[in-house]
Protein backbone atom coordinates (compact mmCIF):
# COMPACT_ATOMS: atom_id res chain seq x y z
CA MET A 1 0.00 0.00 0.00
CA SER A 2 2.83 2.40 0.72
CA ILE A 3 4.23 1.89 -2.82
CA ALA A 4 0.84 2.74 -4.34
CA ARG A 5 0.60 5.79 -2.11
CA ARG A 6 4.06 6.99 -3.17
CA LEU A 7 3.22 6.46 -6.82
CA PHE A 8 0.05 8.50 -6.40
CA VAL A 9 1.45 11.26 -4.17
CA ALA A 10 4.55 12.07 -6.25
CA PRO A 11 2.62 12.99 -9.45
CA LEU A 12 0.06 14.84 -7.35
CA ILE A 13 2.79 16.99 -5.78
CA MET A 14 4.27 17.75 -9.19
CA LEU A 15 0.86 18.68 -10.56
CA MET A 16 0.16 21.02 -7.63
CA ALA A 17 3.58 22.66 -7.92
CA THR A 18 3.03 23.49 -11.57
CA ALA A 19 -0.57 24.66 -11.07
CA ALA A 20 0.09 26.94 -8.07
CA PRO A 21 1.63 29.87 -10.01
CA SER A 22 -1.19 29.88 -12.53
CA LEU A 23 -3.79 29.95 -9.74
CA ALA A 24 -2.05 32.88 -8.07
CA ASP A 25 -2.35 34.99 -11.23
CA GLN A 26 -6.13 34.80 -11.37
CA ARG A 27 -7.93 38.13 -11.30
CA HIS A 28 -10.63 38.92 -8.80
CA LEU A 29 -14.20 39.04 -10.06
CA VAL A 30 -14.77 42.33 -8.25
CA ASP A 31 -12.23 45.11 -8.31
CA PRO A 32 -11.06 45.88 -4.74
CA SER A 33 -11.84 49.58 -5.20
CA GLN A 34 -15.42 48.74 -6.22
CA LEU A 35 -15.75 46.49 -3.18
CA ALA A 36 -14.44 49.23 -0.90
CA ALA A 37 -16.84 51.73 -2.46
CA ALA A 38 -19.81 49.38 -1.95
CA VAL A 39 -18.88 48.79 1.69
CA GLY A 40 -18.44 52.53 2.24
CA GLU A 41 -21.81 53.26 0.65
CA HIS A 42 -23.52 50.65 2.82
CA ALA A 43 -21.94 52.11 5.96
CA ALA A 44 -23.00 55.62 4.93
CA LEU A 45 -26.60 54.47 4.38
CA GLN A 46 -26.66 52.86 7.82
CA GLY A 47 -25.23 56.05 9.30
CA ASP A 48 -27.97 58.09 7.60
CA ASP A 49 -30.62 55.69 8.93
CA ARG A 50 -29.26 55.93 12.48
CA ALA A 51 -29.14 59.73 12.24
CA ALA A 52 -32.80 59.83 11.14
CA VAL A 53 -33.86 57.67 14.10
CA ARG A 54 -31.81 59.75 16.55
CA GLU A 55 -33.30 62.95 15.12
CA ALA A 56 -36.82 61.60 15.64
CA LEU A 57 -36.02 60.46 19.19
CA ASP A 58 -34.66 63.94 20.02
CA ARG A 59 -37.91 65.70 19.08
CA ALA A 60 -39.94 67.12 21.94
CA GLU A 61 -43.14 65.59 20.58
CA VAL A 62 -41.58 62.11 20.60
CA LYS A 63 -40.30 62.65 24.14
CA ASP A 64 -43.80 63.65 25.24
CA VAL A 65 -45.41 60.58 23.69
CA ALA A 66 -42.70 58.32 25.12
CA ALA A 67 -43.21 59.80 28.58
CA LYS A 68 -46.97 59.19 28.36
CA LEU A 69 -46.33 55.58 27.33
CA GLY A 70 -43.62 55.06 29.96
CA VAL A 71 -40.92 54.31 27.36
CA ASP A 72 -37.29 54.87 28.34
CA LEU A 73 -35.83 56.93 25.48
CA ASN A 74 -32.28 56.44 26.75
CA ARG A 75 -32.65 52.71 26.23
CA ALA A 76 -34.23 53.26 22.82
CA ALA A 77 -31.42 55.62 21.78
CA ALA A 78 -28.82 53.09 22.90
CA ALA A 79 -30.56 50.41 20.85
CA VAL A 80 -30.17 52.47 17.68
CA ASP A 81 -26.41 51.81 17.69
CA THR A 82 -26.96 48.04 17.73
CA MET A 83 -29.59 47.94 15.00
CA THR A 84 -28.73 46.60 11.53
CA GLY A 85 -30.41 45.36 8.39
CA ASP A 86 -34.19 45.32 8.08
CA ASP A 87 -34.72 46.44 11.67
CA LEU A 88 -32.72 49.60 11.12
CA THR A 89 -34.42 50.26 7.78
CA ARG A 90 -37.92 49.92 9.28
CA ALA A 91 -37.08 52.17 12.22
CA ALA A 92 -35.48 54.74 9.92
CA ASP A 93 -38.51 54.77 7.60
CA ALA A 94 -40.83 55.40 10.54
CA ALA A 95 -38.46 58.04 11.91
CA ARG A 96 -38.31 59.83 8.56
CA GLN A 97 -42.11 59.95 8.46
CA VAL A 98 -42.13 61.49 11.93
CA ASN A 99 -39.43 63.98 10.95
CA ARG A 100 -41.27 64.92 7.74
CA GLN A 101 -44.58 65.49 9.48
CA LEU A 102 -43.05 67.53 12.27
CA VAL A 103 -40.72 69.61 10.12
CA GLY A 104 -41.25 73.35 10.35
CA GLY A 105 -42.04 73.30 14.05
CA ALA A 106 -45.61 72.07 13.92
CA SER A 107 -47.23 73.03 17.19
CA SER A 108 -49.70 70.18 17.36
CA VAL A 109 -49.25 66.48 17.01
CA VAL A 110 -52.01 64.83 15.01
CA ILE A 111 -53.14 61.28 15.59
CA SER A 112 -51.30 59.88 12.57
CA THR A 113 -48.02 61.40 13.74
CA THR A 114 -48.58 60.04 17.22
CA THR A 115 -49.28 56.64 15.73
CA ILE A 116 -46.06 56.74 13.73
CA ILE A 117 -44.11 57.77 16.84
CA ILE A 118 -45.61 54.88 18.78
CA ILE A 119 -44.77 52.47 15.97
CA LEU A 120 -41.18 53.74 15.92
CA LEU A 121 -40.83 53.28 19.66
CA VAL A 122 -42.41 49.82 19.57
CA ILE A 123 -40.06 48.70 16.78
CA ILE A 124 -37.03 49.84 18.75
CA LEU A 125 -38.25 48.25 21.98
CA LEU A 126 -39.05 44.96 20.27
CA ILE A 127 -35.58 44.84 18.80
CA VAL A 128 -34.06 45.51 22.20
CA ALA A 129 -36.25 42.88 23.84
CA ILE A 130 -35.42 40.23 21.22
CA LYS A 131 -31.69 40.75 21.43
């Protein structure tokens, strides 16, 4: 058995030695600069989403609704840093709706805005509770 193994291993080693340089010259399917740009763009989008959620949580109207519901905004704000993926996207979409409706210093909070604020807070709290 050892003779058969030697006869098999020796040609295999020679084959691998000749194939190794040709494998090293292969080009990547994605250019490293394109990959870096895609990663940077993804990080920037997540940063924008987190900023939108933080902006919504900093609004006085949101603080009032959270206080009425007994929601700890410090815990919700801390959860924003840990959010990723679909959770972050959903929270950011709700936060952007809140920010859009309250832009310009609206003095009254309508029911739909309050509903969106509650949804935003519930999403964040559910994410915190699950993790």
